[in-house]
Amino acid sequence: MNLCKSTVSIVSILALALVTSCSMKYAFNGASISPDTRSVSVQYITNVAPIINPTLSQTLTESIKDRFVSQTSLMVIQSDADLNFEGQITGYTVSPVAIQSDQYASQNRLTITVMVKFTNKKNPELNYNKSFSQYEDFPGAQQLIQVESGLAKTIVDKLVDEIFNAAVANW
């Protein structure tokens, strides 16, 4: 029994030494952030899509900030941070995805597209300017207005996952 405890102690000490000797901060969420990175700023995500959901810009902007607050030790500041995000909602579309024999859609798809510019002052090679797009399907018998808020929340969550991972999960 003592041999087992000793082995566990040695392995634990080696694991701790390995983690503390790395030059990146690692979190259990997969984020790898340089230890000298202290702050993040998220500029208001503007909505230039042909169809405007009036709450989407605010929801997306705050969701990105919330992700960094909840899953990193970075401080959210107004501007000129170590990590900076700016962007635009460029697409908000509803399209049929499954057409029945009577020419009616049995399924529709809400798709949201966001163009994001990410700047990492500490590691500029990680900068990106790219488009993210996510969707959710809903029954053709329902109107968008009936399901829009729930779908938009789910899509925003997926978009935030993608944006966050592209910025700080360097696998």
C-alpha atoms as a PDB file:
ATOM      1  CA  MET A   1       0.000   0.000   0.000  1.00  0.00           C
ATOM      2  CA  ASN A   2       2.853   2.414   0.816  1.00  0.00           C
ATOM      3  CA  LEU A   3       4.454   1.690  -2.567  1.00  0.00           C
ATOM      4  CA  CYS A   4       1.197   2.646  -4.277  1.00  0.00           C
ATOM      5  CA  LYS A   5       0.964   5.936  -2.328  1.00  0.00           C
ATOM      6  CA  SER A   6       4.617   6.714  -3.095  1.00  0.00           C
ATOM      7  CA  THR A   7       4.088   6.073  -6.798  1.00  0.00           C
ATOM      8  CA  VAL A   8       1.025   8.323  -6.870  1.00  0.00           C
ATOM      9  CA  SER A   9       2.952  11.047  -5.022  1.00  0.00           C
ATOM     10  CA  ILE A  10       5.878  10.870  -7.432  1.00  0.00           C
ATOM     11  CA  VAL A  11       3.619  10.953 -10.476  1.00  0.00           C
ATOM     12  CA  SER A  12       1.700  13.905  -9.013  1.00  0.00           C
ATOM     13  CA  ILE A  13       4.904  15.840  -8.332  1.00  0.00           C
ATOM     14  CA  LEU A  14       6.219  15.157 -11.840  1.00  0.00           C
ATOM     15  CA  ALA A  15       2.916  16.223 -13.404  1.00  0.00           C
ATOM     16  CA  LEU A  16       2.887  19.425 -11.348  1.00  0.00           C
ATOM     17  CA  ALA A  17       6.482  20.198 -12.328  1.00  0.00           C
ATOM     18  CA  LEU A  18       5.684  19.601 -15.995  1.00  0.00           C
ATOM     19  CA  VAL A  19       2.623  21.858 -15.936  1.00  0.00           C
ATOM     20  CA  THR A  20       4.334  24.689 -14.041  1.00  0.00           C
ATOM     21  CA  SER A  21       7.398  24.598 -16.301  1.00  0.00           C
ATOM     22  CA  CYS A  22       5.406  25.188 -19.484  1.00  0.00           C
ATOM     23  CA  SER A  23       5.457  28.629 -21.041  1.00  0.00           C
ATOM     24  CA  MET A  24       1.694  28.718 -21.594  1.00  0.00           C
ATOM     25  CA  LYS A  25      -1.172  28.860 -19.127  1.00  0.00           C
ATOM     26  CA  TYR A  26      -3.455  25.875 -19.606  1.00  0.00           C
ATOM     27  CA  ALA A  27      -7.017  25.598 -18.419  1.00  0.00           C
ATOM     28  CA  PHE A  28      -9.249  22.551 -18.273  1.00  0.00           C
ATOM     29  CA  ASN A  29     -11.382  24.091 -21.047  1.00  0.00           C
ATOM     30  CA  GLY A  30      -8.577  23.624 -23.586  1.00  0.00           C
ATOM     31  CA  ALA A  31      -7.452  27.253 -23.584  1.00  0.00           C
ATOM     32  CA  SER A  32      -3.734  27.901 -23.871  1.00  0.00           C
ATOM     33  CA  ILE A  33      -2.905  31.501 -23.145  1.00  0.00           C
ATOM     34  CA  SER A  34       0.525  33.061 -22.764  1.00  0.00           C
ATOM     35  CA  PRO A  35       1.233  33.778 -19.064  1.00  0.00           C
ATOM     36  CA  ASP A  36       1.950  37.444 -19.840  1.00  0.00           C
ATOM     37  CA  THR A  37      -1.518  37.877 -21.388  1.00  0.00           C
ATOM     38  CA  ARG A  38      -3.661  39.722 -18.869  1.00  0.00           C
ATOM     39  CA  SER A  39      -6.596  41.361 -20.674  1.00  0.00           C
ATOM     40  CA  VAL A  40      -9.192  40.935 -23.392  1.00  0.00           C
ATOM     41  CA  SER A  41     -11.455  43.442 -25.126  1.00  0.00           C
ATOM     42  CA  VAL A  42     -14.544  42.702 -27.181  1.00  0.00           C
ATOM     43  CA  GLN A  43     -15.807  45.576 -29.282  1.00  0.00           C
ATOM     44  CA  TYR A  44     -19.527  45.747 -29.955  1.00  0.00           C
ATOM     45  CA  ILE A  45     -20.363  43.265 -32.715  1.00  0.00           C
ATOM     46  CA  THR A  46     -22.323  45.300 -35.264  1.00  0.00           C
ATOM     47  CA  ASN A  47     -25.131  43.824 -37.330  1.00  0.00           C
ATOM     48  CA  VAL A  48     -24.960  44.428 -41.074  1.00  0.00           C
ATOM     49  CA  ALA A  49     -26.976  41.361 -42.105  1.00  0.00           C
ATOM     50  CA  PRO A  50     -29.861  41.913 -44.526  1.00  0.00           C
ATOM     51  CA  ILE A  51     -32.259  40.659 -41.831  1.00  0.00           C
ATOM     52  CA  ILE A  52     -31.718  42.214 -38.402  1.00  0.00           C
ATOM     53  CA  ASN A  53     -32.455  40.506 -35.121  1.00  0.00           C
ATOM     54  CA  PRO A  54     -32.483  43.548 -32.796  1.00  0.00           C
ATOM     55  CA  THR A  55     -30.939  41.773 -29.785  1.00  0.00           C
ATOM     56  CA  LEU A  56     -28.357  39.651 -31.586  1.00  0.00           C
ATOM     57  CA  SER A  57     -25.444  42.120 -31.557  1.00  0.00           C
ATOM     58  CA  GLN A  58     -25.670  42.710 -27.816  1.00  0.00           C
ATOM     59  CA  THR A  59     -26.206  39.018 -27.068  1.00  0.00           C
ATOM     60  CA  LEU A  60     -23.195  37.914 -29.116  1.00  0.00           C
ATOM     61  CA  THR A  61     -20.909  40.651 -27.756  1.00  0.00           C
ATOM     62  CA  GLU A  62     -21.799  39.885 -24.129  1.00  0.00           C
ATOM     63  CA  SER A  63     -21.571  36.118 -24.676  1.00  0.00           C
ATOM     64  CA  ILE A  64     -17.977  36.403 -25.909  1.00  0.00           C
ATOM     65  CA  LYS A  65     -17.067  38.549 -22.885  1.00  0.00           C
ATOM     66  CA  ASP A  66     -18.821  36.110 -20.547  1.00  0.00           C
ATOM     67  CA  ARG A  67     -16.869  33.174 -22.000  1.00  0.00           C
ATOM     68  CA  PHE A  68     -13.552  34.861 -21.223  1.00  0.00           C
ATOM     69  CA  VAL A  69     -14.677  35.848 -17.725  1.00  0.00           C
ATOM     70  CA  SER A  70     -15.922  32.363 -16.883  1.00  0.00           C
ATOM     71  CA  GLN A  71     -13.164  30.290 -18.505  1.00  0.00           C
ATOM     72  CA  THR A  72     -10.005  32.362 -18.180  1.00  0.00           C
ATOM     73  CA  SER A  73      -8.365  34.633 -15.651  1.00  0.00           C
ATOM     74  CA  LEU A  74      -8.204  37.508 -18.139  1.00  0.00           C
ATOM     75  CA  MET A  75      -9.641  40.898 -17.256  1.00  0.00           C
ATOM     76  CA  VAL A  76     -12.187  42.301 -19.717  1.00  0.00           C
ATOM     77  CA  ILE A  77     -11.367  45.934 -20.553  1.00  0.00           C
ATOM     78  CA  GLN A  78     -12.802  48.457 -23.035  1.00  0.00           C
ATOM     79  CA  SER A  79      -9.943  48.617 -25.544  1.00  0.00           C
ATOM     80  CA  ASP A  80      -6.233  48.116 -26.178  1.00  0.00           C
ATOM     81  CA  ALA A  81      -6.117  44.735 -24.462  1.00  0.00           C
ATOM     82  CA  ASP A  82      -3.651  41.903 -25.019  1.00  0.00           C
ATOM     83  CA  LEU A  83      -6.413  40.045 -26.903  1.00  0.00           C
ATOM     84  CA  ASN A  84      -8.851  42.084 -29.018  1.00  0.00           C
ATOM     85  CA  PHE A  85     -12.028  41.073 -30.836  1.00  0.00           C
ATOM     86  CA  GLU A  86     -14.071  43.097 -33.305  1.00  0.00           C
ATOM     87  CA  GLY A  87     -16.639  41.907 -35.763  1.00  0.00           C
ATOM     88  CA  GLN A  88     -19.862  42.082 -37.706  1.00  0.00           C
ATOM     89  CA  ILE A  89     -22.888  39.868 -38.076  1.00  0.00           C
ATOM     90  CA  THR A  90     -22.937  39.473 -41.855  1.00  0.00           C
ATOM     91  CA  GLY A  91     -25.646  36.878 -42.297  1.00  0.00           C
ATOM     92  CA  TYR A  92     -28.978  36.002 -40.724  1.00  0.00           C
ATOM     93  CA  THR A  93     -30.886  33.750 -43.083  1.00  0.00           C
ATOM     94  CA  VAL A  94     -33.734  31.284 -43.063  1.00  0.00           C
ATOM     95  CA  SER A  95     -33.749  28.664 -45.793  1.00  0.00           C
ATOM     96  CA  PRO A  96     -35.632  25.431 -46.471  1.00  0.00           C
ATOM     97  CA  VAL A  97     -33.578  22.269 -45.999  1.00  0.00           C
ATOM     98  CA  ALA A  98     -36.127  19.516 -46.557  1.00  0.00           C
ATOM     99  CA  ILE A  99     -38.791  19.934 -49.221  1.00  0.00           C
ATOM    100  CA  GLN A 100     -41.828  17.631 -49.213  1.00  0.00           C
ATOM    101  CA  SER A 101     -43.526  16.355 -52.356  1.00  0.00           C
ATOM    102  CA  ASP A 102     -46.125  19.147 -52.083  1.00  0.00           C
ATOM    103  CA  GLN A 103     -43.354  21.790 -52.400  1.00  0.00           C
ATOM    104  CA  TYR A 104     -43.524  22.847 -48.739  1.00  0.00           C
ATOM    105  CA  ALA A 105     -40.525  22.796 -46.436  1.00  0.00           C
ATOM    106  CA  SER A 106     -40.692  20.165 -43.725  1.00  0.00           C
ATOM    107  CA  GLN A 107     -37.542  21.651 -42.168  1.00  0.00           C
ATOM    108  CA  ASN A 108     -36.119  25.163 -42.228  1.00  0.00           C
ATOM    109  CA  ARG A 109     -32.684  26.345 -41.168  1.00  0.00           C
ATOM    110  CA  LEU A 110     -31.703  29.541 -39.374  1.00  0.00           C
ATOM    111  CA  THR A 111     -28.062  30.391 -40.142  1.00  0.00           C
ATOM    112  CA  ILE A 112     -26.052  33.152 -38.485  1.00  0.00           C
ATOM    113  CA  THR A 113     -22.700  34.248 -39.928  1.00  0.00           C
ATOM    114  CA  VAL A 114     -20.190  36.485 -38.139  1.00  0.00           C
ATOM    115  CA  MET A 115     -16.955  37.980 -39.447  1.00  0.00           C
ATOM    116  CA  VAL A 116     -14.443  38.297 -36.596  1.00  0.00           C
ATOM    117  CA  LYS A 117     -11.090  40.048 -36.458  1.00  0.00           C
ATOM    118  CA  PHE A 118      -8.956  38.737 -33.594  1.00  0.00           C
ATOM    119  CA  THR A 119      -5.703  40.427 -32.623  1.00  0.00           C
ATOM    120  CA  ASN A 120      -3.276  38.882 -30.146  1.00  0.00           C
ATOM    121  CA  LYS A 121      -0.656  41.470 -29.129  1.00  0.00           C
ATOM    122  CA  LYS A 122       1.480  38.896 -27.319  1.00  0.00           C
ATOM    123  CA  ASN A 123       1.434  36.268 -30.111  1.00  0.00           C
ATOM    124  CA  PRO A 124       0.621  38.001 -33.433  1.00  0.00           C
ATOM    125  CA  GLU A 125       0.980  34.724 -35.347  1.00  0.00           C
ATOM    126  CA  LEU A 126      -2.354  33.705 -33.761  1.00  0.00           C
ATOM    127  CA  ASN A 127      -4.232  36.702 -35.243  1.00  0.00           C
ATOM    128  CA  TYR A 128      -7.115  35.928 -37.550  1.00  0.00           C
ATOM    129  CA  ASN A 129      -9.779  37.609 -39.633  1.00  0.00           C
ATOM    130  CA  LYS A 130     -12.335  34.969 -40.504  1.00  0.00           C
ATOM    131  CA  SER A 131     -15.960  34.114 -40.890  1.00  0.00           C
ATOM    132  CA  PHE A 132     -17.841  31.825 -38.521  1.00  0.00           C
ATOM    133  CA  SER A 133     -21.212  30.343 -39.387  1.00  0.00           C
ATOM    134  CA  GLN A 134     -23.586  28.150 -37.397  1.00  0.00           C
ATOM    135  CA  TYR A 135     -27.152  27.001 -37.880  1.00  0.00           C
ATOM    136  CA  GLU A 136     -30.109  25.270 -36.276  1.00  0.00           C
ATOM    137  CA  ASP A 137     -33.002  23.563 -38.010  1.00  0.00           C
ATOM    138  CA  PHE A 138     -36.663  23.908 -37.054  1.00  0.00           C
ATOM    139  CA  PRO A 139     -39.906  22.325 -38.269  1.00  0.00           C
ATOM    140  CA  GLY A 140     -41.418  23.839 -41.390  1.00  0.00           C
ATOM    141  CA  ALA A 141     -44.812  23.976 -39.689  1.00  0.00           C
ATOM    142  CA  GLN A 142     -43.463  26.591 -37.252  1.00  0.00           C
ATOM    143  CA  GLN A 143     -42.908  30.250 -37.981  1.00  0.00           C
ATOM    144  CA  LEU A 144     -39.463  31.686 -37.216  1.00  0.00           C
ATOM    145  CA  ILE A 145     -40.960  34.067 -34.670  1.00  0.00           C
ATOM    146  CA  GLN A 146     -42.134  31.069 -32.609  1.00  0.00           C
ATOM    147  CA  VAL A 147     -38.658  29.563 -32.252  1.00  0.00           C
ATOM    148  CA  GLU A 148     -36.282  32.435 -33.009  1.00  0.00           C
ATOM    149  CA  SER A 149     -35.110  33.318 -29.504  1.00  0.00           C
ATOM    150  CA  GLY A 150     -34.250  29.716 -28.588  1.00  0.00           C
ATOM    151  CA  LEU A 151     -32.565  29.033 -31.917  1.00  0.00           C
ATOM    152  CA  ALA A 152     -30.575  32.275 -31.789  1.00  0.00           C
ATOM    153  CA  LYS A 153     -29.322  31.470 -28.271  1.00  0.00           C
ATOM    154  CA  THR A 154     -28.193  27.988 -29.327  1.00  0.00           C
ATOM    155  CA  ILE A 155     -26.477  29.353 -32.443  1.00  0.00           C
ATOM    156  CA  VAL A 156     -24.756  32.130 -30.461  1.00  0.00           C
ATOM    157  CA  ASP A 157     -23.437  29.509 -28.010  1.00  0.00           C
ATOM    158  CA  LYS A 158     -21.972  27.527 -30.918  1.00  0.00           C
ATOM    159  CA  LEU A 159     -20.470  30.658 -32.482  1.00  0.00           C
ATOM    160  CA  VAL A 160     -18.873  31.693 -29.185  1.00  0.00           C
ATOM    161  CA  ASP A 161     -17.370  28.197 -28.847  1.00  0.00           C
ATOM    162  CA  GLU A 162     -15.821  28.518 -32.297  1.00  0.00           C
ATOM    163  CA  ILE A 163     -14.574  32.071 -31.795  1.00  0.00           C
ATOM    164  CA  PHE A 164     -13.108  31.277 -28.356  1.00  0.00           C
ATOM    165  CA  ASN A 165     -11.439  28.070 -29.540  1.00  0.00           C
ATOM    166  CA  ALA A 166      -9.977  29.715 -32.645  1.00  0.00           C
ATOM    167  CA  ALA A 167      -8.416  32.387 -30.427  1.00  0.00           C
ATOM    168  CA  VAL A 168      -7.093  30.444 -27.450  1.00  0.00           C
ATOM    169  CA  ALA A 169      -7.343  26.677 -27.984  1.00  0.00           C
ATOM    170  CA  ASN A 170      -4.241  26.127 -30.067  1.00  0.00           C
ATOM    171  CA  TRP A 171      -4.382  22.381 -30.520  1.00  0.00           C
END
